[in-house]
Amino acid sequence: MRSSSSTLQALAVIETASIARGFVVADAVIKKAPIVVKTARAVSPGKFLLIFGGDIEATLESIETGRSVAGSDIIDELFLPGAHLALLPAIDRAIVAEAGEAIAIVETGTVAAAILAADAALKAVDVSVLKMRLALGVGGKGWFTLAGDLAAIEAAVDAVRASVRADRLVAVEIIPRPHAELRGFLS
């Protein structure tokens, strides 16, 4: 029986350069252990994105199988035990920034890097992930917005920079007091 996403103890991401190989990887991962698949889809520019999770052991077994099956087609991957509880809802939906909150926009070269960065920010300080865009419509990149008081946003950005490889971090910007009209576009 598959566990619900609210009880995931670990989260995993596999990005492959081949869509066809990605589907083979997804099949192998699902067959390996009882995990929950959050996303299994082709994304631009011609990549495949697989996000899944479950208990730590099942997720680890599945990602190891996925790595093996993906072989040289793997672009990036992530195994994240103990993912922050606010991470999965952020992947699935967006929330609106409150007036007066500072905003950070984090852009990464891969989805795995975006998820890792968001998790690090959430664990470092009291901030919210407003929106995450993972691969679709952004050329396979990942980006998300954070909201909180300015000091917390600055600390969250420090945590992001410390957690993500420099070659995976495309850009990080902070807007201390976004205009009310812009807030709706950031979430």
N, C-alpha and C. Protein backbone atom coordinates (compact mmCIF):
# COMPACT_ATOMS: atom_id res chain seq x y z
N MET A 1 0.84 -1.17 0.00
CA MET A 1 0.00 0.00 0.00
C MET A 1 0.89 1.24 0.00
N ARG A 2 0.52 2.24 -0.76
CA ARG A 2 1.26 3.48 -0.88
C ARG A 2 0.89 4.40 0.28
N SER A 3 1.90 5.11 0.82
CA SER A 3 1.63 6.04 1.89
C SER A 3 1.14 7.36 1.31
N SER A 4 0.44 8.16 2.11
CA SER A 4 -0.02 9.45 1.63
C SER A 4 1.13 10.44 1.67
N SER A 5 1.02 11.50 0.85
CA SER A 5 2.10 12.47 0.76
C SER A 5 2.33 13.20 2.07
N SER A 6 1.33 13.26 2.93
CA SER A 6 1.50 13.97 4.19
C SER A 6 2.38 13.19 5.17
N THR A 7 2.63 11.92 4.91
CA THR A 7 3.45 11.12 5.82
C THR A 7 4.80 10.75 5.21
N LEU A 8 5.20 11.43 4.14
CA LEU A 8 6.47 11.12 3.52
C LEU A 8 7.61 11.46 4.46
N GLN A 9 8.47 10.49 4.71
CA GLN A 9 9.64 10.72 5.55
C GLN A 9 10.84 11.18 4.73
N ALA A 10 10.80 10.90 3.43
CA ALA A 10 11.90 11.28 2.54
C ALA A 10 11.31 11.65 1.18
N LEU A 11 12.03 12.50 0.50
CA LEU A 11 11.64 12.95 -0.83
C LEU A 11 12.81 12.69 -1.77
N ALA A 12 12.53 12.34 -3.02
CA ALA A 12 13.59 12.10 -3.99
C ALA A 12 13.21 12.71 -5.33
N VAL A 13 14.24 13.11 -6.07
CA VAL A 13 14.07 13.68 -7.40
C VAL A 13 15.10 13.04 -8.32
N ILE A 14 14.64 12.68 -9.51
CA ILE A 14 15.55 12.22 -10.57
C ILE A 14 15.17 12.98 -11.83
N GLU A 15 16.16 13.61 -12.44
CA GLU A 15 15.97 14.30 -13.71
C GLU A 15 16.85 13.60 -14.74
N THR A 16 16.24 13.22 -15.87
CA THR A 16 17.01 12.55 -16.92
C THR A 16 16.99 13.37 -18.22
N ALA A 17 18.02 13.19 -19.01
CA ALA A 17 18.15 13.89 -20.28
C ALA A 17 17.25 13.28 -21.35
N SER A 18 16.81 12.06 -21.14
CA SER A 18 15.96 11.36 -22.11
C SER A 18 14.57 11.14 -21.53
N ILE A 19 13.56 11.54 -22.27
CA ILE A 19 12.18 11.32 -21.85
C ILE A 19 11.89 9.82 -21.82
N ALA A 20 12.27 9.12 -22.88
CA ALA A 20 12.02 7.67 -22.95
C ALA A 20 12.67 6.94 -21.78
N ARG A 21 13.96 7.26 -21.49
CA ARG A 21 14.66 6.62 -20.37
C ARG A 21 13.98 7.01 -19.06
N GLY A 22 13.47 8.24 -18.97
CA GLY A 22 12.80 8.69 -17.76
C GLY A 22 11.60 7.83 -17.40
N PHE A 23 10.83 7.45 -18.41
CA PHE A 23 9.69 6.58 -18.13
C PHE A 23 10.14 5.20 -17.66
N VAL A 24 11.25 4.70 -18.22
CA VAL A 24 11.79 3.41 -17.78
C VAL A 24 12.27 3.53 -16.33
N VAL A 25 12.93 4.63 -16.00
CA VAL A 25 13.38 4.88 -14.63
C VAL A 25 12.17 4.92 -13.68
N ALA A 26 11.13 5.65 -14.07
CA ALA A 26 9.93 5.76 -13.23
C ALA A 26 9.33 4.38 -12.95
N ASP A 27 9.24 3.57 -13.99
CA ASP A 27 8.70 2.22 -13.81
C ASP A 27 9.54 1.41 -12.83
N ALA A 28 10.85 1.48 -12.96
CA ALA A 28 11.74 0.72 -12.08
C ALA A 28 11.64 1.22 -10.63
N VAL A 29 11.56 2.53 -10.45
CA VAL A 29 11.47 3.13 -9.12
C VAL A 29 10.17 2.70 -8.43
N ILE A 30 9.08 2.75 -9.18
CA ILE A 30 7.76 2.39 -8.61
C ILE A 30 7.73 0.91 -8.24
N LYS A 31 8.33 0.08 -9.07
CA LYS A 31 8.33 -1.37 -8.81
C LYS A 31 9.25 -1.76 -7.66
N LYS A 32 10.26 -0.94 -7.36
CA LYS A 32 11.26 -1.31 -6.38
C LYS A 32 10.74 -1.33 -4.95
N ALA A 33 9.97 -0.31 -4.58
CA ALA A 33 9.54 -0.19 -3.18
C ALA A 33 8.24 0.61 -3.11
N PRO A 34 7.53 0.51 -2.00
CA PRO A 34 6.27 1.26 -1.86
C PRO A 34 6.52 2.76 -1.64
N ILE A 35 6.45 3.52 -2.74
CA ILE A 35 6.66 4.96 -2.69
C ILE A 35 5.45 5.66 -3.30
N VAL A 36 5.37 6.97 -3.09
CA VAL A 36 4.32 7.80 -3.68
C VAL A 36 4.97 8.66 -4.75
N VAL A 37 4.44 8.60 -5.97
CA VAL A 37 4.96 9.43 -7.06
C VAL A 37 4.17 10.73 -7.06
N LYS A 38 4.89 11.84 -6.89
CA LYS A 38 4.28 13.18 -6.94
C LYS A 38 4.24 13.70 -8.37
N THR A 39 5.29 13.42 -9.15
CA THR A 39 5.38 13.89 -10.53
C THR A 39 6.19 12.89 -11.33
N ALA A 40 5.69 12.57 -12.52
CA ALA A 40 6.43 11.74 -13.49
C ALA A 40 6.01 12.26 -14.86
N ARG A 41 6.83 13.17 -15.43
CA ARG A 41 6.40 13.81 -16.67
C ARG A 41 7.60 14.32 -17.48
N ALA A 42 7.35 14.45 -18.77
CA ALA A 42 8.31 15.09 -19.66
C ALA A 42 8.24 16.59 -19.43
N VAL A 43 9.40 17.24 -19.42
CA VAL A 43 9.47 18.68 -19.23
C VAL A 43 10.45 19.26 -20.25
N SER A 44 10.31 20.54 -20.50
CA SER A 44 11.24 21.15 -21.44
C SER A 44 12.56 21.41 -20.74
N PRO A 45 13.65 21.37 -21.43
CA PRO A 45 13.81 21.14 -22.87
C PRO A 45 14.11 19.67 -23.17
N GLY A 46 13.09 18.85 -23.23
CA GLY A 46 13.26 17.44 -23.56
C GLY A 46 13.84 16.60 -22.45
N LYS A 47 13.51 16.94 -21.21
CA LYS A 47 13.97 16.18 -20.04
C LYS A 47 12.79 15.43 -19.44
N PHE A 48 13.08 14.56 -18.49
CA PHE A 48 12.04 13.86 -17.74
C PHE A 48 12.26 14.14 -16.27
N LEU A 49 11.18 14.44 -15.56
CA LEU A 49 11.23 14.76 -14.15
C LEU A 49 10.42 13.74 -13.36
N LEU A 50 11.06 13.18 -12.33
CA LEU A 50 10.42 12.22 -11.43
C LEU A 50 10.62 12.70 -10.00
N ILE A 51 9.52 12.96 -9.29
CA ILE A 51 9.57 13.34 -7.88
C ILE A 51 8.73 12.31 -7.12
N PHE A 52 9.32 11.72 -6.09
CA PHE A 52 8.63 10.68 -5.33
C PHE A 52 9.13 10.65 -3.90
N GLY A 53 8.44 9.90 -3.07
CA GLY A 53 8.88 9.77 -1.69
C GLY A 53 8.12 8.67 -0.98
N GLY A 54 8.48 8.50 0.27
CA GLY A 54 7.88 7.47 1.11
C GLY A 54 8.66 7.40 2.40
N ASP A 55 8.69 6.22 2.99
CA ASP A 55 9.54 6.11 4.18
C ASP A 55 11.00 6.14 3.70
N ILE A 56 11.90 6.37 4.61
CA ILE A 56 13.31 6.59 4.24
C ILE A 56 13.90 5.40 3.50
N GLU A 57 13.69 4.21 4.02
CA GLU A 57 14.27 3.02 3.40
C GLU A 57 13.73 2.78 1.99
N ALA A 58 12.41 2.89 1.82
CA ALA A 58 11.80 2.66 0.50
C ALA A 58 12.27 3.72 -0.50
N THR A 59 12.35 4.96 -0.06
CA THR A 59 12.79 6.04 -0.95
C THR A 59 14.24 5.85 -1.35
N LEU A 60 15.08 5.47 -0.40
CA LEU A 60 16.49 5.23 -0.69
C LEU A 60 16.66 4.06 -1.66
N GLU A 61 15.94 2.98 -1.42
CA GLU A 61 16.02 1.83 -2.33
C GLU A 61 15.59 2.23 -3.74
N SER A 62 14.52 3.00 -3.83
CA SER A 62 14.00 3.40 -5.13
C SER A 62 14.94 4.35 -5.86
N ILE A 63 15.52 5.31 -5.16
CA ILE A 63 16.42 6.24 -5.85
C ILE A 63 17.70 5.53 -6.29
N GLU A 64 18.17 4.58 -5.51
CA GLU A 64 19.35 3.81 -5.93
C GLU A 64 19.05 3.04 -7.21
N THR A 65 17.87 2.45 -7.27
CA THR A 65 17.45 1.75 -8.49
C THR A 65 17.34 2.74 -9.64
N GLY A 66 16.75 3.88 -9.38
CA GLY A 66 16.60 4.91 -10.41
C GLY A 66 17.94 5.38 -10.96
N ARG A 67 18.89 5.59 -10.08
CA ARG A 67 20.25 5.99 -10.51
C ARG A 67 20.84 4.94 -11.45
N SER A 68 20.70 3.69 -11.05
CA SER A 68 21.26 2.59 -11.82
C SER A 68 20.61 2.51 -13.21
N VAL A 69 19.30 2.60 -13.25
CA VAL A 69 18.58 2.49 -14.52
C VAL A 69 18.84 3.73 -15.39
N ALA A 70 18.93 4.90 -14.80
CA ALA A 70 19.16 6.13 -15.57
C ALA A 70 20.54 6.16 -16.19
N GLY A 71 21.52 5.63 -15.48
CA GLY A 71 22.89 5.60 -16.00
C GLY A 71 23.38 6.99 -16.38
N SER A 72 23.96 7.09 -17.56
CA SER A 72 24.54 8.36 -18.01
C SER A 72 23.49 9.39 -18.41
N ASP A 73 22.22 9.02 -18.46
CA ASP A 73 21.15 9.96 -18.79
C ASP A 73 20.75 10.85 -17.61
N ILE A 74 21.27 10.57 -16.43
CA ILE A 74 20.90 11.35 -15.25
C ILE A 74 21.51 12.76 -15.35
N ILE A 75 20.69 13.76 -15.16
CA ILE A 75 21.14 15.16 -15.16
C ILE A 75 21.41 15.61 -13.73
N ASP A 76 20.45 15.32 -12.85
CA ASP A 76 20.58 15.67 -11.44
C ASP A 76 19.66 14.76 -10.65
N GLU A 77 19.97 14.62 -9.36
CA GLU A 77 19.15 13.80 -8.48
C GLU A 77 19.29 14.31 -7.06
N LEU A 78 18.32 13.94 -6.25
CA LEU A 78 18.30 14.39 -4.86
C LEU A 78 17.62 13.34 -4.01
N PHE A 79 18.25 13.02 -2.88
CA PHE A 79 17.63 12.20 -1.84
C PHE A 79 17.57 13.08 -0.61
N LEU A 80 16.38 13.35 -0.11
CA LEU A 80 16.19 14.30 0.97
C LEU A 80 15.38 13.66 2.10
N PRO A 81 16.07 12.97 3.02
CA PRO A 81 15.35 12.44 4.19
C PRO A 81 14.99 13.59 5.11
N GLY A 82 13.85 13.50 5.76
CA GLY A 82 13.43 14.54 6.69
C GLY A 82 13.12 15.86 6.02
N ALA A 83 12.53 15.83 4.85
CA ALA A 83 12.16 17.07 4.15
C ALA A 83 11.24 17.89 5.05
N HIS A 84 11.41 19.21 5.01
CA HIS A 84 10.57 20.10 5.81
C HIS A 84 9.10 19.88 5.45
N LEU A 85 8.22 19.89 6.44
CA LEU A 85 6.80 19.61 6.22
C LEU A 85 6.13 20.58 5.26
N ALA A 86 6.63 21.82 5.14
CA ALA A 86 6.02 22.81 4.25
C ALA A 86 6.50 22.66 2.81
N LEU A 87 7.44 21.77 2.56
CA LEU A 87 8.00 21.62 1.21
C LEU A 87 7.01 21.01 0.22
N LEU A 88 6.39 19.90 0.57
CA LEU A 88 5.46 19.25 -0.36
C LEU A 88 4.26 20.13 -0.71
N PRO A 89 3.63 20.77 0.26
CA PRO A 89 2.53 21.66 -0.14
C PRO A 89 3.00 22.79 -1.06
N ALA A 90 4.22 23.26 -0.89
CA ALA A 90 4.74 24.33 -1.75
C ALA A 90 4.91 23.84 -3.18
N ILE A 91 5.25 22.59 -3.35
CA ILE A 91 5.39 22.02 -4.69
C ILE A 91 4.03 21.96 -5.38
N ASP A 92 2.98 21.73 -4.61
CA ASP A 92 1.65 21.51 -5.15
C ASP A 92 0.81 22.77 -5.34
N ARG A 93 1.13 23.87 -4.67
CA ARG A 93 0.26 25.05 -4.73
C ARG A 93 1.05 26.32 -4.44
N ALA A 94 0.37 27.45 -4.56
CA ALA A 94 0.98 28.74 -4.25
C ALA A 94 0.14 29.45 -3.20
N ILE A 95 0.81 30.28 -2.38
CA ILE A 95 0.11 31.11 -1.40
C ILE A 95 0.49 32.57 -1.67
N VAL A 96 -0.28 33.49 -1.15
CA VAL A 96 -0.08 34.91 -1.41
C VAL A 96 0.75 35.55 -0.30
N ALA A 97 1.70 36.39 -0.71
CA ALA A 97 2.53 37.11 0.25
C ALA A 97 1.68 38.16 0.97
N GLU A 98 1.98 38.35 2.24
CA GLU A 98 1.30 39.37 3.02
C GLU A 98 1.99 40.71 2.83
N ALA A 99 1.23 41.79 2.98
CA ALA A 99 1.80 43.13 2.87
C ALA A 99 2.93 43.28 3.89
N GLY A 100 4.01 43.91 3.47
CA GLY A 100 5.13 44.16 4.38
C GLY A 100 6.17 43.07 4.42
N GLU A 101 5.89 41.90 3.86
CA GLU A 101 6.88 40.83 3.87
C GLU A 101 7.92 41.06 2.78
N ALA A 102 9.15 40.75 3.10
CA ALA A 102 10.21 40.76 2.10
C ALA A 102 10.07 39.48 1.27
N ILE A 103 10.60 39.54 0.06
CA ILE A 103 10.50 38.41 -0.86
C ILE A 103 11.90 38.07 -1.37
N ALA A 104 12.16 36.78 -1.51
CA ALA A 104 13.37 36.33 -2.21
C ALA A 104 12.91 35.47 -3.38
N ILE A 105 13.59 35.61 -4.50
CA ILE A 105 13.34 34.78 -5.67
C ILE A 105 14.61 33.98 -5.90
N VAL A 106 14.47 32.65 -5.90
CA VAL A 106 15.62 31.76 -6.07
C VAL A 106 15.41 30.98 -7.36
N GLU A 107 16.40 31.03 -8.25
CA GLU A 107 16.34 30.35 -9.54
C GLU A 107 17.52 29.38 -9.63
N THR A 108 17.22 28.13 -9.96
CA THR A 108 18.26 27.10 -10.05
C THR A 108 18.24 26.45 -11.43
N GLY A 109 19.32 25.81 -11.77
CA GLY A 109 19.44 25.15 -13.06
C GLY A 109 18.72 23.83 -13.15
N THR A 110 18.39 23.23 -12.00
CA THR A 110 17.69 21.95 -12.00
C THR A 110 16.60 21.94 -10.94
N VAL A 111 15.67 21.03 -11.10
CA VAL A 111 14.59 20.87 -10.13
C VAL A 111 15.13 20.37 -8.79
N ALA A 112 16.04 19.41 -8.83
CA ALA A 112 16.61 18.88 -7.59
C ALA A 112 17.25 19.99 -6.77
N ALA A 113 17.97 20.89 -7.43
CA ALA A 113 18.61 22.01 -6.72
C ALA A 113 17.56 22.94 -6.11
N ALA A 114 16.47 23.18 -6.81
CA ALA A 114 15.41 24.05 -6.28
C ALA A 114 14.78 23.45 -5.03
N ILE A 115 14.49 22.16 -5.06
CA ILE A 115 13.88 21.51 -3.90
C ILE A 115 14.85 21.50 -2.72
N LEU A 116 16.10 21.20 -2.97
CA LEU A 116 17.11 21.23 -1.91
C LEU A 116 17.22 22.64 -1.31
N ALA A 117 17.26 23.65 -2.16
CA ALA A 117 17.38 25.03 -1.70
C ALA A 117 16.16 25.46 -0.86
N ALA A 118 14.97 25.11 -1.32
CA ALA A 118 13.76 25.47 -0.57
C ALA A 118 13.74 24.77 0.79
N ASP A 119 14.13 23.51 0.82
CA ASP A 119 14.18 22.77 2.08
C ASP A 119 15.18 23.43 3.04
N ALA A 120 16.34 23.81 2.54
CA ALA A 120 17.35 24.45 3.39
C ALA A 120 16.83 25.78 3.94
N ALA A 121 16.16 26.56 3.10
CA ALA A 121 15.61 27.84 3.56
C ALA A 121 14.55 27.64 4.64
N LEU A 122 13.66 26.68 4.43
CA LEU A 122 12.59 26.42 5.40
C LEU A 122 13.15 25.93 6.74
N LYS A 123 14.20 25.14 6.68
CA LYS A 123 14.79 24.61 7.91
C LYS A 123 15.64 25.64 8.64
N ALA A 124 16.14 26.63 7.93
CA ALA A 124 17.05 27.61 8.53
C ALA A 124 16.32 28.65 9.38
N VAL A 125 15.22 29.15 8.87
CA VAL A 125 14.51 30.25 9.54
C VAL A 125 13.02 30.17 9.25
N ASP A 126 12.26 31.02 9.92
CA ASP A 126 10.81 31.06 9.75
C ASP A 126 10.45 31.89 8.52
N VAL A 127 10.39 31.23 7.35
CA VAL A 127 9.96 31.84 6.11
C VAL A 127 8.91 30.92 5.49
N SER A 128 8.22 31.43 4.48
CA SER A 128 7.24 30.63 3.74
C SER A 128 7.66 30.52 2.29
N VAL A 129 7.42 29.37 1.70
CA VAL A 129 7.58 29.23 0.26
C VAL A 129 6.23 29.59 -0.34
N LEU A 130 6.22 30.63 -1.17
CA LEU A 130 4.98 31.08 -1.77
C LEU A 130 4.62 30.28 -3.00
N LYS A 131 5.59 30.04 -3.86
CA LYS A 131 5.34 29.40 -5.14
C LYS A 131 6.59 28.66 -5.56
N MET A 132 6.39 27.48 -6.16
CA MET A 132 7.49 26.76 -6.78
C MET A 132 7.09 26.43 -8.21
N ARG A 133 8.00 26.65 -9.12
CA ARG A 133 7.82 26.25 -10.51
C ARG A 133 8.95 25.28 -10.81
N LEU A 134 8.56 24.08 -11.19
CA LEU A 134 9.54 23.03 -11.39
C LEU A 134 9.52 22.54 -12.83
N ALA A 135 10.44 23.00 -13.63
CA ALA A 135 10.74 22.53 -14.97
C ALA A 135 9.76 22.98 -16.05
N LEU A 136 8.47 22.89 -15.83
CA LEU A 136 7.50 23.21 -16.88
C LEU A 136 7.48 24.70 -17.17
N GLY A 137 7.68 25.02 -18.43
CA GLY A 137 7.61 26.40 -18.86
C GLY A 137 8.82 27.25 -18.49
N VAL A 138 9.83 26.65 -17.90
CA VAL A 138 11.03 27.40 -17.51
C VAL A 138 12.30 26.69 -17.98
N GLY A 139 12.20 25.97 -19.07
CA GLY A 139 13.38 25.35 -19.66
C GLY A 139 14.05 24.32 -18.80
N GLY A 140 13.29 23.65 -17.95
CA GLY A 140 13.86 22.61 -17.10
C GLY A 140 14.45 23.13 -15.80
N LYS A 141 14.44 24.44 -15.61
CA LYS A 141 14.95 25.02 -14.36
C LYS A 141 13.93 24.85 -13.25
N GLY A 142 14.33 25.26 -12.06
CA GLY A 142 13.41 25.35 -10.94
C GLY A 142 13.53 26.75 -10.35
N TRP A 143 12.42 27.29 -9.86
CA TRP A 143 12.50 28.57 -9.15
C TRP A 143 11.38 28.61 -8.13
N PHE A 144 11.62 29.40 -7.09
CA PHE A 144 10.60 29.56 -6.06
C PHE A 144 10.75 30.92 -5.40
N THR A 145 9.69 31.33 -4.73
CA THR A 145 9.71 32.58 -3.98
C THR A 145 9.54 32.27 -2.50
N LEU A 146 10.24 33.06 -1.69
CA LEU A 146 10.16 32.97 -0.24
C LEU A 146 9.59 34.28 0.29
N ALA A 147 8.88 34.23 1.41
CA ALA A 147 8.37 35.43 2.05
C ALA A 147 8.64 35.36 3.54
N GLY A 148 8.90 36.53 4.13
CA GLY A 148 9.13 36.64 5.57
C GLY A 148 9.67 38.01 5.89
N ASP A 149 10.05 38.23 7.14
CA ASP A 149 10.66 39.52 7.45
C ASP A 149 12.05 39.56 6.81
N LEU A 150 12.57 40.75 6.60
CA LEU A 150 13.80 40.91 5.84
C LEU A 150 14.97 40.14 6.44
N ALA A 151 15.13 40.17 7.75
CA ALA A 151 16.24 39.44 8.38
C ALA A 151 16.13 37.94 8.11
N ALA A 152 14.91 37.40 8.20
CA ALA A 152 14.71 35.98 7.94
C ALA A 152 14.98 35.65 6.47
N ILE A 153 14.55 36.51 5.57
CA ILE A 153 14.79 36.28 4.14
C ILE A 153 16.29 36.28 3.86
N GLU A 154 17.02 37.21 4.45
CA GLU A 154 18.47 37.25 4.25
C GLU A 154 19.13 35.99 4.79
N ALA A 155 18.68 35.51 5.94
CA ALA A 155 19.23 34.27 6.51
C ALA A 155 18.85 33.07 5.64
N ALA A 156 17.64 33.06 5.11
CA ALA A 156 17.20 31.98 4.23
C ALA A 156 18.05 31.94 2.96
N VAL A 157 18.36 33.10 2.41
CA VAL A 157 19.19 33.18 1.21
C VAL A 157 20.60 32.67 1.52
N ASP A 158 21.12 32.98 2.69
CA ASP A 158 22.42 32.44 3.10
C ASP A 158 22.37 30.91 3.14
N ALA A 159 21.28 30.36 3.68
CA ALA A 159 21.12 28.90 3.75
C ALA A 159 21.03 28.29 2.34
N VAL A 160 20.34 28.98 1.45
CA VAL A 160 20.24 28.51 0.06
C VAL A 160 21.63 28.46 -0.57
N ARG A 161 22.39 29.54 -0.44
CA ARG A 161 23.73 29.60 -1.03
C ARG A 161 24.65 28.52 -0.45
N ALA A 162 24.48 28.21 0.83
CA ALA A 162 25.32 27.18 1.48
C ALA A 162 24.92 25.77 1.07
N SER A 163 23.68 25.57 0.65
CA SER A 163 23.20 24.21 0.39
C SER A 163 23.30 23.77 -1.07
N VAL A 164 23.33 24.72 -1.99
CA VAL A 164 23.27 24.38 -3.42
C VAL A 164 24.63 24.63 -4.07
N ARG A 165 25.06 23.68 -4.89
CA ARG A 165 26.30 23.87 -5.64
C ARG A 165 26.23 25.15 -6.46
N ALA A 166 27.30 25.89 -6.52
CA ALA A 166 27.33 27.18 -7.23
C ALA A 166 26.92 27.04 -8.69
N ASP A 167 27.28 25.94 -9.34
CA ASP A 167 26.93 25.78 -10.75
C ASP A 167 25.46 25.44 -10.96
N ARG A 168 24.74 25.17 -9.90
CA ARG A 168 23.29 24.90 -9.98
C ARG A 168 22.46 26.13 -9.60
N LEU A 169 23.08 27.12 -8.98
CA LEU A 169 22.37 28.32 -8.53
C LEU A 169 22.48 29.37 -9.63
N VAL A 170 21.36 29.67 -10.29
CA VAL A 170 21.35 30.62 -11.41
C VAL A 170 21.28 32.05 -10.90
N ALA A 171 20.34 32.33 -9.99
CA ALA A 171 20.17 33.69 -9.48
C ALA A 171 19.41 33.66 -8.16
N VAL A 172 19.73 34.65 -7.32
CA VAL A 172 19.00 34.86 -6.08
C VAL A 172 18.81 36.37 -5.94
N GLU A 173 17.57 36.79 -5.78
CA GLU A 173 17.26 38.21 -5.64
C GLU A 173 16.35 38.42 -4.44
N ILE A 174 16.53 39.55 -3.76
CA ILE A 174 15.69 39.91 -2.63
C ILE A 174 15.00 41.24 -2.95
N ILE A 175 13.70 41.28 -2.69
CA ILE A 175 12.94 42.53 -2.77
C ILE A 175 12.46 42.83 -1.35
N PRO A 176 13.06 43.83 -0.69
CA PRO A 176 12.73 44.10 0.71
C PRO A 176 11.26 44.46 0.96
N ARG A 177 10.67 45.26 0.08
CA ARG A 177 9.28 45.68 0.24
C ARG A 177 8.62 45.69 -1.14
N PRO A 178 8.17 44.53 -1.64
CA PRO A 178 7.57 44.52 -2.97
C PRO A 178 6.28 45.34 -3.02
N HIS A 179 6.08 45.99 -4.14
CA HIS A 179 4.85 46.75 -4.36
C HIS A 179 3.66 45.80 -4.29
N ALA A 180 2.53 46.29 -3.81
CA ALA A 180 1.32 45.47 -3.65
C ALA A 180 0.91 44.82 -4.97
N GLU A 181 1.06 45.53 -6.07
CA GLU A 181 0.68 44.98 -7.36
C GLU A 181 1.59 43.82 -7.77
N LEU A 182 2.85 43.88 -7.40
CA LEU A 182 3.80 42.82 -7.75
C LEU A 182 3.58 41.57 -6.90
N ARG A 183 3.13 41.73 -5.66
CA ARG A 183 2.99 40.56 -4.74
C ARG A 183 2.17 39.44 -5.37
N GLY A 184 1.11 39.77 -6.08
CA GLY A 184 0.28 38.74 -6.71
C GLY A 184 1.02 37.94 -7.77
N PHE A 185 2.01 38.54 -8.42
CA PHE A 185 2.77 37.84 -9.44
C PHE A 185 3.87 36.96 -8.84
N LEU A 186 4.21 37.21 -7.61
CA LEU A 186 5.27 36.46 -6.94
C LEU A 186 4.75 35.20 -6.26
N SER A 187 3.45 35.03 -6.25
CA SER A 187 2.87 33.85 -5.59
C SER A 187 1.96 33.12 -6.53
